[in-house]
Each structure stands twice: as structure tokens, then as C-alpha cells.
Amino acid sequence: MHDPINLFNTIWLDAKCRGTSKHRNAVCVSTIDEDGYPNSRFVDLKEANAAGFVFCSPLDSGKALDICRNPKTGITLWWEHIATQVRIKGLASPISDQEAKAHWVGRLRDAQIATATFQQSRPLASLETLSEQYARAVAASDGKSIPRPDNWGGFRLCAEYIEFLEFKENRLHARTAYSRVGTVWEQHFLQP
């Protein structure tokens, strides 16, 4: 039996240890909007295990609304410094309130303040308004803990397909795909 989740975590840890990016957990999450178009954006991957791949978001955001309409979701990762791409497809579902609380506590304070202050993807009068609103929120928080907004939670993508692509200089890229069949992962090698 092959375990692509363990393989993913091994590569992810290596990429984080060897990488220099400040955003080492950034993944591209793709959803399908109400008109059938793909929507992609980068988010922070919180965890990856046999249960799935977890990312957090306001529950009234575009990505959350897309997932509620159509749970088919994709995650793509690209690590330039180790020449590796990973593509994941599956169904996303909300995480528990308890899990969301735990992830909220682990967020940086600046991220908590921004999330509690702004309504993601809603129109904004100007960038100056954004800065002013944030400065007021920082001053008002006065070092106190930032409560998790009621509309903040997360999603777990339960993978049905995971593909690893290791780039080679000679273009003979190593592509290994895993498809979930029941509780077992089937491994396939793909041409570059």
C-alpha cells in the first residue's frame, strides 16, 4: 500500500526547511464559482494528514461560498527550490468549531486583527481607508486577545487524487499519481 499523505508531509517538511520564503505554507486553493468558472487564490495550509488538508477562511468569503455550492476543490503547490509540484483534488467540507478555535489561537496577532476587522473581498473606498481602519483596530485591541469572529472557520479537503511532479533538467519529469479507491491508494506513473 502506498501512502501519498506521508510522502506529501515528507516533501512539505523538506520544502519548508530548505526554503527561504516567508510564506512556506502557501498553497493555491481552486474552487468553482456559481457561473462554473475556476477561482484560485493562495491560503495558508494548516495541516495535512489522513483526514485531509486543512485551510482556514471567513465562512462568508468567496471560497467558502464556492465550496458550499460545489465541494469539488483543488490544491496546487509549487516549490521552486526543490523543483516539485503537487496537485490535489477532492471534496472540501467544514472543520469543527473546536478545530477552528485551535487554528485561530495559532494565528499571528496581526492576522487575527486583520481578519476580525475586515470583510474579505468586499468593496473598499480606498487603500487609505484600509490603513486607517486597521490602525484603529490595533489601537482598540490594546494588547488584549482578539476573539475569533463567528464567521471564521475552515475547510478540510479529503483528497481523492494526489499527483507529485519532480522536475528534471532533461525534461524527463517524474510524475507519480495516487488515486483513492475506497480506503486504498492506487499508485500510477505518468508520462511527463
N, C-alpha and C. Protein backbone atom coordinates (compact mmCIF):
# COMPACT_ATOMS: atom_id res chain seq x y z
N MET A 1 0.84 -1.19 0.00
CA MET A 1 0.00 0.00 0.00
C MET A 1 0.88 1.25 0.00
N HIS A 2 0.55 2.20 -0.82
CA HIS A 2 1.30 3.45 -0.92
C HIS A 2 0.58 4.52 -0.12
N ASP A 3 1.33 5.42 0.50
CA ASP A 3 0.72 6.48 1.30
C ASP A 3 1.17 7.85 0.82
N PRO A 4 0.39 8.48 -0.06
CA PRO A 4 0.79 9.79 -0.57
C PRO A 4 0.75 10.89 0.48
N ILE A 5 -0.02 10.70 1.55
CA ILE A 5 -0.07 11.71 2.61
C ILE A 5 1.27 11.78 3.33
N ASN A 6 1.84 10.63 3.66
CA ASN A 6 3.17 10.62 4.28
C ASN A 6 4.21 11.19 3.34
N LEU A 7 4.12 10.84 2.05
CA LEU A 7 5.05 11.38 1.06
C LEU A 7 4.90 12.90 0.99
N PHE A 8 3.66 13.39 0.96
CA PHE A 8 3.42 14.83 0.93
C PHE A 8 4.07 15.50 2.14
N ASN A 9 3.83 14.97 3.33
CA ASN A 9 4.38 15.59 4.54
C ASN A 9 5.90 15.59 4.56
N THR A 10 6.51 14.54 4.02
CA THR A 10 7.97 14.49 3.93
C THR A 10 8.48 15.60 3.00
N ILE A 11 7.84 15.74 1.84
CA ILE A 11 8.26 16.77 0.88
C ILE A 11 7.96 18.17 1.42
N TRP A 12 6.80 18.34 2.05
CA TRP A 12 6.41 19.64 2.61
C TRP A 12 7.40 20.09 3.68
N LEU A 13 7.78 19.17 4.56
CA LEU A 13 8.76 19.50 5.60
C LEU A 13 10.10 19.87 4.98
N ASP A 14 10.54 19.10 3.99
CA ASP A 14 11.80 19.40 3.30
C ASP A 14 11.73 20.78 2.64
N ALA A 15 10.62 21.06 1.98
CA ALA A 15 10.46 22.36 1.31
C ALA A 15 10.49 23.51 2.31
N LYS A 16 9.86 23.32 3.46
CA LYS A 16 9.85 24.38 4.48
C LYS A 16 11.24 24.56 5.09
N CYS A 17 11.94 23.47 5.34
CA CYS A 17 13.27 23.55 5.95
C CYS A 17 14.29 24.17 5.01
N ARG A 18 14.19 23.86 3.73
CA ARG A 18 15.17 24.35 2.76
C ARG A 18 14.77 25.65 2.10
N GLY A 19 13.55 26.08 2.31
CA GLY A 19 13.05 27.28 1.64
C GLY A 19 13.38 28.56 2.39
N THR A 20 13.32 29.66 1.66
CA THR A 20 13.59 30.97 2.26
C THR A 20 12.36 31.87 2.25
N SER A 21 11.28 31.43 1.65
CA SER A 21 10.06 32.24 1.57
C SER A 21 9.45 32.43 2.95
N LYS A 22 8.88 33.61 3.18
CA LYS A 22 8.14 33.86 4.42
C LYS A 22 6.81 33.11 4.42
N HIS A 23 6.36 32.71 3.25
CA HIS A 23 5.05 32.08 3.12
C HIS A 23 5.22 30.60 2.76
N ARG A 24 5.84 29.88 3.64
CA ARG A 24 6.20 28.48 3.36
C ARG A 24 5.01 27.53 3.36
N ASN A 25 3.89 27.98 3.93
CA ASN A 25 2.70 27.13 3.95
C ASN A 25 1.68 27.54 2.90
N ALA A 26 2.06 28.44 2.00
CA ALA A 26 1.12 28.93 1.00
C ALA A 26 0.79 27.85 -0.02
N VAL A 27 -0.51 27.67 -0.26
CA VAL A 27 -0.99 26.74 -1.27
C VAL A 27 -2.05 27.46 -2.09
N CYS A 28 -2.19 27.06 -3.34
CA CYS A 28 -3.22 27.65 -4.20
C CYS A 28 -4.46 26.76 -4.12
N VAL A 29 -5.55 27.32 -3.58
CA VAL A 29 -6.81 26.59 -3.48
C VAL A 29 -7.70 27.03 -4.63
N SER A 30 -8.21 26.06 -5.37
CA SER A 30 -9.09 26.35 -6.51
C SER A 30 -10.48 25.78 -6.25
N THR A 31 -11.47 26.64 -6.48
CA THR A 31 -12.87 26.26 -6.33
C THR A 31 -13.58 26.59 -7.63
N ILE A 32 -14.86 26.28 -7.69
CA ILE A 32 -15.68 26.59 -8.87
C ILE A 32 -16.75 27.59 -8.44
N ASP A 33 -16.83 28.72 -9.15
CA ASP A 33 -17.81 29.73 -8.76
C ASP A 33 -19.20 29.40 -9.29
N GLU A 34 -20.17 30.25 -8.96
CA GLU A 34 -21.56 29.98 -9.32
C GLU A 34 -21.80 29.97 -10.82
N ASP A 35 -20.88 30.56 -11.60
CA ASP A 35 -21.01 30.56 -13.05
C ASP A 35 -20.20 29.44 -13.71
N GLY A 36 -19.59 28.58 -12.89
CA GLY A 36 -18.82 27.45 -13.41
C GLY A 36 -17.37 27.76 -13.73
N TYR A 37 -16.90 28.95 -13.37
CA TYR A 37 -15.51 29.33 -13.62
C TYR A 37 -14.63 28.94 -12.44
N PRO A 38 -13.37 28.57 -12.71
CA PRO A 38 -12.46 28.30 -11.60
C PRO A 38 -12.07 29.59 -10.89
N ASN A 39 -11.93 29.50 -9.59
CA ASN A 39 -11.47 30.60 -8.74
C ASN A 39 -10.26 30.08 -7.97
N SER A 40 -9.13 30.74 -8.10
CA SER A 40 -7.93 30.29 -7.40
C SER A 40 -7.36 31.42 -6.57
N ARG A 41 -6.86 31.06 -5.39
CA ARG A 41 -6.23 32.03 -4.50
C ARG A 41 -5.30 31.28 -3.56
N PHE A 42 -4.33 32.02 -3.00
CA PHE A 42 -3.37 31.41 -2.09
C PHE A 42 -3.86 31.56 -0.66
N VAL A 43 -3.73 30.48 0.10
CA VAL A 43 -4.08 30.46 1.51
C VAL A 43 -2.98 29.71 2.25
N ASP A 44 -3.08 29.72 3.56
CA ASP A 44 -2.11 29.04 4.42
C ASP A 44 -2.60 27.62 4.68
N LEU A 45 -1.81 26.62 4.34
CA LEU A 45 -2.16 25.24 4.66
C LEU A 45 -1.83 25.01 6.13
N LYS A 46 -2.81 24.60 6.91
CA LYS A 46 -2.64 24.43 8.35
C LYS A 46 -2.13 23.05 8.73
N GLU A 47 -2.64 22.03 8.06
CA GLU A 47 -2.22 20.66 8.38
C GLU A 47 -2.56 19.74 7.22
N ALA A 48 -1.88 18.62 7.21
CA ALA A 48 -2.14 17.58 6.21
C ALA A 48 -1.97 16.24 6.91
N ASN A 49 -3.03 15.45 6.89
CA ASN A 49 -2.97 14.12 7.49
C ASN A 49 -3.97 13.21 6.78
N ALA A 50 -4.15 12.02 7.28
CA ALA A 50 -5.03 11.06 6.61
C ALA A 50 -6.46 11.57 6.47
N ALA A 51 -6.88 12.47 7.36
CA ALA A 51 -8.24 13.02 7.29
C ALA A 51 -8.36 14.06 6.19
N GLY A 52 -7.25 14.72 5.82
CA GLY A 52 -7.31 15.70 4.76
C GLY A 52 -6.36 16.86 4.93
N PHE A 53 -6.54 17.86 4.08
CA PHE A 53 -5.70 19.06 4.02
C PHE A 53 -6.55 20.23 4.52
N VAL A 54 -6.09 20.91 5.58
CA VAL A 54 -6.90 21.94 6.23
C VAL A 54 -6.40 23.34 5.90
N PHE A 55 -7.34 24.22 5.54
CA PHE A 55 -7.06 25.65 5.39
C PHE A 55 -8.23 26.40 6.01
N CYS A 56 -7.98 27.64 6.44
CA CYS A 56 -8.99 28.42 7.13
C CYS A 56 -9.40 29.64 6.32
N SER A 57 -10.58 30.17 6.67
CA SER A 57 -11.14 31.26 5.88
C SER A 57 -12.37 31.82 6.59
N PRO A 58 -12.71 33.08 6.30
CA PRO A 58 -14.04 33.54 6.70
C PRO A 58 -15.08 32.66 5.99
N LEU A 59 -16.12 32.30 6.71
CA LEU A 59 -17.11 31.38 6.14
C LEU A 59 -18.09 32.06 5.20
N ASP A 60 -17.96 33.39 5.06
CA ASP A 60 -18.77 34.11 4.08
C ASP A 60 -17.90 34.64 2.93
N SER A 61 -16.68 34.13 2.82
CA SER A 61 -15.77 34.53 1.74
C SER A 61 -16.19 33.86 0.43
N GLY A 62 -15.62 34.34 -0.66
CA GLY A 62 -15.90 33.73 -1.96
C GLY A 62 -15.56 32.25 -1.98
N LYS A 63 -14.40 31.88 -1.43
CA LYS A 63 -14.01 30.47 -1.47
C LYS A 63 -14.97 29.61 -0.67
N ALA A 64 -15.41 30.13 0.50
CA ALA A 64 -16.34 29.37 1.33
C ALA A 64 -17.68 29.19 0.63
N LEU A 65 -18.17 30.25 0.00
CA LEU A 65 -19.44 30.16 -0.72
C LEU A 65 -19.32 29.21 -1.91
N ASP A 66 -18.17 29.26 -2.61
CA ASP A 66 -17.94 28.32 -3.72
C ASP A 66 -18.00 26.88 -3.22
N ILE A 67 -17.33 26.61 -2.10
CA ILE A 67 -17.28 25.25 -1.56
C ILE A 67 -18.66 24.78 -1.12
N CYS A 68 -19.44 25.68 -0.54
CA CYS A 68 -20.80 25.31 -0.13
C CYS A 68 -21.66 24.92 -1.33
N ARG A 69 -21.46 25.60 -2.46
CA ARG A 69 -22.22 25.28 -3.68
C ARG A 69 -21.69 24.03 -4.36
N ASN A 70 -20.36 23.88 -4.36
CA ASN A 70 -19.73 22.76 -5.06
C ASN A 70 -18.46 22.39 -4.29
N PRO A 71 -18.48 21.30 -3.54
CA PRO A 71 -17.34 20.95 -2.69
C PRO A 71 -16.10 20.44 -3.44
N LYS A 72 -16.21 20.26 -4.76
CA LYS A 72 -15.04 19.80 -5.53
C LYS A 72 -14.00 20.92 -5.51
N THR A 73 -12.86 20.62 -4.93
CA THR A 73 -11.83 21.63 -4.67
C THR A 73 -10.47 21.08 -5.04
N GLY A 74 -9.57 21.96 -5.45
CA GLY A 74 -8.20 21.57 -5.77
C GLY A 74 -7.20 22.38 -4.96
N ILE A 75 -6.07 21.79 -4.71
CA ILE A 75 -4.94 22.47 -4.07
C ILE A 75 -3.73 22.23 -4.95
N THR A 76 -2.97 23.28 -5.23
CA THR A 76 -1.73 23.16 -6.00
C THR A 76 -0.61 23.81 -5.22
N LEU A 77 0.54 23.15 -5.21
CA LEU A 77 1.73 23.67 -4.55
C LEU A 77 2.89 23.63 -5.53
N TRP A 78 3.74 24.63 -5.48
CA TRP A 78 4.94 24.68 -6.31
C TRP A 78 6.09 25.15 -5.44
N TRP A 79 7.11 24.32 -5.35
CA TRP A 79 8.31 24.67 -4.60
C TRP A 79 9.47 24.76 -5.59
N GLU A 80 9.78 25.97 -6.00
CA GLU A 80 10.85 26.23 -6.97
C GLU A 80 12.18 25.65 -6.50
N HIS A 81 12.50 25.86 -5.23
CA HIS A 81 13.82 25.48 -4.72
C HIS A 81 14.05 23.97 -4.65
N ILE A 82 12.99 23.18 -4.71
CA ILE A 82 13.18 21.73 -4.79
C ILE A 82 12.56 21.16 -6.07
N ALA A 83 12.17 22.06 -6.98
CA ALA A 83 11.64 21.70 -8.30
C ALA A 83 10.53 20.65 -8.23
N THR A 84 9.57 20.91 -7.34
CA THR A 84 8.49 19.95 -7.13
C THR A 84 7.13 20.64 -7.16
N GLN A 85 6.20 20.01 -7.84
CA GLN A 85 4.80 20.46 -7.88
C GLN A 85 3.94 19.35 -7.30
N VAL A 86 2.90 19.74 -6.56
CA VAL A 86 1.92 18.77 -6.06
C VAL A 86 0.53 19.29 -6.42
N ARG A 87 -0.30 18.40 -6.96
CA ARG A 87 -1.70 18.73 -7.26
C ARG A 87 -2.59 17.78 -6.48
N ILE A 88 -3.60 18.35 -5.84
CA ILE A 88 -4.51 17.57 -5.01
C ILE A 88 -5.94 17.90 -5.41
N LYS A 89 -6.77 16.88 -5.57
CA LYS A 89 -8.19 17.09 -5.87
C LYS A 89 -9.02 16.28 -4.89
N GLY A 90 -10.16 16.86 -4.50
CA GLY A 90 -11.05 16.13 -3.60
C GLY A 90 -12.25 16.97 -3.23
N LEU A 91 -12.92 16.54 -2.18
CA LEU A 91 -14.11 17.23 -1.70
C LEU A 91 -13.77 17.95 -0.39
N ALA A 92 -14.17 19.21 -0.30
CA ALA A 92 -13.91 20.01 0.90
C ALA A 92 -15.18 20.08 1.75
N SER A 93 -14.98 20.06 3.05
CA SER A 93 -16.10 20.20 3.99
C SER A 93 -15.62 21.01 5.19
N PRO A 94 -16.55 21.64 5.92
CA PRO A 94 -16.14 22.49 7.05
C PRO A 94 -15.47 21.68 8.16
N ILE A 95 -14.49 22.31 8.81
CA ILE A 95 -13.89 21.71 10.00
C ILE A 95 -14.79 22.02 11.20
N SER A 96 -14.54 21.36 12.31
CA SER A 96 -15.35 21.59 13.50
C SER A 96 -15.04 22.95 14.12
N ASP A 97 -15.96 23.42 14.94
CA ASP A 97 -15.76 24.69 15.64
C ASP A 97 -14.54 24.61 16.55
N GLN A 98 -14.35 23.46 17.18
CA GLN A 98 -13.20 23.26 18.06
C GLN A 98 -11.88 23.36 17.28
N GLU A 99 -11.83 22.77 16.10
CA GLU A 99 -10.63 22.87 15.26
C GLU A 99 -10.39 24.31 14.83
N ALA A 100 -11.47 25.01 14.46
CA ALA A 100 -11.33 26.40 14.04
C ALA A 100 -10.77 27.25 15.19
N LYS A 101 -11.24 27.01 16.40
CA LYS A 101 -10.73 27.75 17.57
C LYS A 101 -9.24 27.51 17.74
N ALA A 102 -8.82 26.26 17.61
CA ALA A 102 -7.40 25.92 17.77
C ALA A 102 -6.55 26.61 16.70
N HIS A 103 -7.03 26.64 15.47
CA HIS A 103 -6.27 27.31 14.41
C HIS A 103 -6.26 28.82 14.61
N TRP A 104 -7.34 29.38 15.13
CA TRP A 104 -7.39 30.82 15.39
C TRP A 104 -6.33 31.22 16.41
N VAL A 105 -6.22 30.46 17.47
CA VAL A 105 -5.24 30.75 18.53
C VAL A 105 -3.82 30.70 17.97
N GLY A 106 -3.58 29.85 16.98
CA GLY A 106 -2.25 29.72 16.38
C GLY A 106 -1.90 30.81 15.37
N ARG A 107 -2.85 31.66 15.03
CA ARG A 107 -2.59 32.72 14.04
C ARG A 107 -1.77 33.85 14.66
N LEU A 108 -1.00 34.53 13.82
CA LEU A 108 -0.29 35.71 14.28
C LEU A 108 -1.30 36.78 14.66
N ARG A 109 -0.95 37.60 15.64
CA ARG A 109 -1.85 38.64 16.13
C ARG A 109 -2.28 39.59 15.00
N ASP A 110 -1.34 40.00 14.15
CA ASP A 110 -1.68 40.89 13.03
C ASP A 110 -2.74 40.26 12.13
N ALA A 111 -2.61 38.96 11.89
CA ALA A 111 -3.58 38.25 11.05
C ALA A 111 -4.94 38.19 11.75
N GLN A 112 -4.93 37.97 13.06
CA GLN A 112 -6.19 37.96 13.81
C GLN A 112 -6.90 39.31 13.72
N ILE A 113 -6.13 40.39 13.92
CA ILE A 113 -6.71 41.73 13.87
C ILE A 113 -7.28 42.01 12.49
N ALA A 114 -6.52 41.70 11.45
CA ALA A 114 -6.99 41.95 10.08
C ALA A 114 -8.26 41.16 9.80
N THR A 115 -8.27 39.89 10.18
CA THR A 115 -9.44 39.05 9.92
C THR A 115 -10.66 39.55 10.68
N ALA A 116 -10.46 39.97 11.94
CA ALA A 116 -11.58 40.45 12.76
C ALA A 116 -12.08 41.82 12.29
N THR A 117 -11.23 42.57 11.59
CA THR A 117 -11.56 43.94 11.20
C THR A 117 -12.22 44.04 9.83
N PHE A 118 -11.74 43.24 8.89
CA PHE A 118 -12.18 43.40 7.50
C PHE A 118 -13.17 42.33 7.07
N GLN A 119 -13.96 42.65 6.05
CA GLN A 119 -14.88 41.72 5.42
C GLN A 119 -14.26 41.32 4.09
N GLN A 120 -13.62 40.16 4.07
CA GLN A 120 -12.84 39.73 2.92
C GLN A 120 -13.60 39.86 1.60
N SER A 121 -12.93 40.47 0.63
CA SER A 121 -13.40 40.62 -0.75
C SER A 121 -14.55 41.62 -0.93
N ARG A 122 -14.95 42.31 0.12
CA ARG A 122 -15.99 43.32 -0.02
C ARG A 122 -15.36 44.60 -0.56
N PRO A 123 -16.13 45.43 -1.27
CA PRO A 123 -15.59 46.68 -1.82
C PRO A 123 -15.02 47.60 -0.73
N LEU A 124 -14.03 48.39 -1.13
CA LEU A 124 -13.32 49.29 -0.22
C LEU A 124 -13.22 50.65 -0.89
N ALA A 125 -13.46 51.72 -0.12
CA ALA A 125 -13.42 53.08 -0.68
C ALA A 125 -12.03 53.44 -1.19
N SER A 126 -11.00 53.12 -0.40
CA SER A 126 -9.62 53.45 -0.80
C SER A 126 -8.65 52.65 0.05
N LEU A 127 -7.40 52.60 -0.39
CA LEU A 127 -6.37 51.92 0.40
C LEU A 127 -6.08 52.68 1.68
N GLU A 128 -6.27 54.00 1.66
CA GLU A 128 -6.08 54.80 2.87
C GLU A 128 -7.10 54.39 3.93
N THR A 129 -8.32 54.14 3.50
CA THR A 129 -9.37 53.68 4.41
C THR A 129 -8.96 52.38 5.08
N LEU A 130 -8.37 51.49 4.30
CA LEU A 130 -7.90 50.21 4.81
C LEU A 130 -6.89 50.42 5.93
N SER A 131 -5.89 51.26 5.68
CA SER A 131 -4.85 51.53 6.68
C SER A 131 -5.43 52.18 7.93
N GLU A 132 -6.32 53.13 7.74
CA GLU A 132 -6.94 53.82 8.88
C GLU A 132 -7.76 52.86 9.73
N GLN A 133 -8.54 52.03 9.07
CA GLN A 133 -9.38 51.06 9.77
C GLN A 133 -8.52 50.08 10.57
N TYR A 134 -7.43 49.64 9.97
CA TYR A 134 -6.53 48.70 10.66
C TYR A 134 -5.87 49.37 11.86
N ALA A 135 -5.41 50.61 11.69
CA ALA A 135 -4.76 51.34 12.79
C ALA A 135 -5.73 51.51 13.96
N ARG A 136 -6.98 51.83 13.67
CA ARG A 136 -7.98 51.96 14.74
C ARG A 136 -8.19 50.62 15.45
N ALA A 137 -8.22 49.53 14.70
CA ALA A 137 -8.42 48.21 15.30
C ALA A 137 -7.24 47.82 16.19
N VAL A 138 -6.02 48.13 15.75
CA VAL A 138 -4.83 47.83 16.56
C VAL A 138 -4.89 48.63 17.86
N ALA A 139 -5.21 49.92 17.76
CA ALA A 139 -5.28 50.77 18.95
C ALA A 139 -6.38 50.28 19.90
N ALA A 140 -7.51 49.88 19.36
CA ALA A 140 -8.62 49.42 20.19
C ALA A 140 -8.32 48.10 20.88
N SER A 141 -7.49 47.27 20.26
CA SER A 141 -7.19 45.97 20.85
C SER A 141 -6.32 46.11 22.09
N ASP A 142 -5.48 47.15 22.11
CA ASP A 142 -4.68 47.50 23.29
C ASP A 142 -4.02 46.28 23.95
N GLY A 143 -3.50 45.38 23.16
CA GLY A 143 -2.79 44.22 23.70
C GLY A 143 -3.69 43.09 24.17
N LYS A 144 -5.00 43.27 24.10
CA LYS A 144 -5.93 42.23 24.54
C LYS A 144 -5.99 41.12 23.48
N SER A 145 -6.45 39.95 23.92
CA SER A 145 -6.60 38.86 22.96
C SER A 145 -7.72 39.22 21.98
N ILE A 146 -7.58 38.73 20.78
CA ILE A 146 -8.55 39.02 19.71
C ILE A 146 -9.50 37.83 19.61
N PRO A 147 -10.79 38.05 19.90
CA PRO A 147 -11.72 36.92 19.80
C PRO A 147 -11.94 36.49 18.34
N ARG A 148 -12.14 35.21 18.17
CA ARG A 148 -12.39 34.67 16.83
C ARG A 148 -13.77 35.13 16.36
N PRO A 149 -13.84 35.72 15.17
CA PRO A 149 -15.15 36.12 14.64
C PRO A 149 -16.04 34.89 14.42
N ASP A 150 -17.33 35.09 14.58
CA ASP A 150 -18.29 33.99 14.40
C ASP A 150 -18.23 33.41 12.99
N ASN A 151 -17.84 34.24 12.02
CA ASN A 151 -17.84 33.78 10.62
C ASN A 151 -16.49 33.22 10.19
N TRP A 152 -15.59 32.92 11.12
CA TRP A 152 -14.26 32.42 10.75
C TRP A 152 -14.17 30.94 11.10
N GLY A 153 -13.78 30.16 10.12
CA GLY A 153 -13.64 28.72 10.33
C GLY A 153 -12.64 28.15 9.35
N GLY A 154 -12.93 26.98 8.85
CA GLY A 154 -12.00 26.38 7.90
C GLY A 154 -12.62 25.21 7.18
N PHE A 155 -11.81 24.63 6.31
CA PHE A 155 -12.26 23.51 5.49
C PHE A 155 -11.18 22.43 5.45
N ARG A 156 -11.64 21.20 5.29
CA ARG A 156 -10.75 20.06 5.13
C ARG A 156 -11.03 19.46 3.76
N LEU A 157 -10.00 19.42 2.93
CA LEU A 157 -10.13 18.78 1.64
C LEU A 157 -9.76 17.31 1.82
N CYS A 158 -10.72 16.43 1.61
CA CYS A 158 -10.47 15.00 1.67
C CYS A 158 -10.02 14.58 0.26
N ALA A 159 -8.75 14.28 0.14
CA ALA A 159 -8.15 14.03 -1.17
C ALA A 159 -8.66 12.73 -1.80
N GLU A 160 -8.94 12.83 -3.09
CA GLU A 160 -9.28 11.66 -3.90
C GLU A 160 -8.19 11.38 -4.93
N TYR A 161 -7.36 12.41 -5.17
CA TYR A 161 -6.29 12.30 -6.17
C TYR A 161 -5.15 13.21 -5.73
N ILE A 162 -3.93 12.67 -5.73
CA ILE A 162 -2.74 13.45 -5.41
C ILE A 162 -1.67 13.11 -6.44
N GLU A 163 -1.09 14.15 -7.04
CA GLU A 163 -0.05 13.94 -8.05
C GLU A 163 1.20 14.73 -7.68
N PHE A 164 2.32 14.04 -7.71
CA PHE A 164 3.63 14.65 -7.45
C PHE A 164 4.39 14.73 -8.77
N LEU A 165 4.96 15.89 -9.06
CA LEU A 165 5.76 16.06 -10.26
C LEU A 165 7.11 16.62 -9.84
N GLU A 166 8.15 15.82 -10.08
CA GLU A 166 9.52 16.25 -9.78
C GLU A 166 10.18 16.65 -11.09
N PHE A 167 10.49 17.94 -11.22
CA PHE A 167 11.08 18.45 -12.46
C PHE A 167 12.52 17.98 -12.61
N LYS A 168 12.88 17.64 -13.85
CA LYS A 168 14.25 17.21 -14.18
C LYS A 168 14.79 18.13 -15.27
N GLU A 169 16.08 18.39 -15.25
CA GLU A 169 16.71 19.26 -16.25
C GLU A 169 16.53 18.72 -17.67
N ASN A 170 16.52 17.39 -17.81
CA ASN A 170 16.41 16.78 -19.13
C ASN A 170 14.95 16.63 -19.60
N ARG A 171 14.02 17.23 -18.84
CA ARG A 171 12.58 17.22 -19.15
C ARG A 171 11.92 15.85 -18.96
N LEU A 172 12.65 14.89 -18.40
CA LEU A 172 12.05 13.59 -18.09
C LEU A 172 11.47 13.65 -16.68
N HIS A 173 10.51 14.54 -16.51
CA HIS A 173 9.92 14.79 -15.20
C HIS A 173 9.30 13.52 -14.63
N ALA A 174 9.52 13.31 -13.34
CA ALA A 174 8.95 12.15 -12.66
C ALA A 174 7.56 12.51 -12.13
N ARG A 175 6.52 11.93 -12.72
CA ARG A 175 5.14 12.18 -12.29
C ARG A 175 4.57 10.91 -11.68
N THR A 176 4.15 11.03 -10.44
CA THR A 176 3.55 9.90 -9.74
C THR A 176 2.19 10.34 -9.22
N ALA A 177 1.15 9.61 -9.61
CA ALA A 177 -0.21 9.95 -9.21
C ALA A 177 -0.77 8.87 -8.30
N TYR A 178 -1.58 9.30 -7.36
CA TYR A 178 -2.26 8.40 -6.43
C TYR A 178 -3.75 8.67 -6.50
N SER A 179 -4.53 7.63 -6.72
CA SER A 179 -5.99 7.74 -6.75
C SER A 179 -6.55 6.91 -5.61
N ARG A 180 -7.47 7.51 -4.87
CA ARG A 180 -8.09 6.77 -3.76
C ARG A 180 -9.19 5.87 -4.31
N VAL A 181 -9.09 4.60 -3.96
CA VAL A 181 -10.11 3.62 -4.32
C VAL A 181 -10.57 2.99 -3.00
N GLY A 182 -11.72 3.46 -2.51
CA GLY A 182 -12.17 3.03 -1.19
C GLY A 182 -11.24 3.58 -0.13
N THR A 183 -10.60 2.68 0.60
CA THR A 183 -9.65 3.11 1.65
C THR A 183 -8.20 2.92 1.22
N VAL A 184 -8.00 2.54 -0.04
CA VAL A 184 -6.66 2.23 -0.53
C VAL A 184 -6.24 3.26 -1.59
N TRP A 185 -4.96 3.59 -1.59
CA TRP A 185 -4.41 4.48 -2.62
C TRP A 185 -3.76 3.63 -3.70
N GLU A 186 -4.15 3.86 -4.95
CA GLU A 186 -3.51 3.19 -6.09
C GLU A 186 -2.49 4.14 -6.69
N GLN A 187 -1.31 3.64 -6.95
CA GLN A 187 -0.22 4.45 -7.50
C GLN A 187 -0.11 4.24 -9.01
N HIS A 188 0.11 5.34 -9.73
CA HIS A 188 0.29 5.30 -11.18
C HIS A 188 1.45 6.21 -11.55
N PHE A 189 2.21 5.81 -12.53
CA PHE A 189 3.27 6.68 -13.06
C PHE A 189 2.75 7.27 -14.37
N LEU A 190 3.00 8.56 -14.57
CA LEU A 190 2.50 9.27 -15.74
C LEU A 190 3.65 9.80 -16.58
N GLN A 191 3.44 9.85 -17.87
CA GLN A 191 4.44 10.44 -18.75
C GLN A 191 4.51 11.94 -18.50
N PRO A 192 5.71 12.52 -18.71
CA PRO A 192 5.84 13.96 -18.43
C PRO A 192 5.02 14.82 -19.38
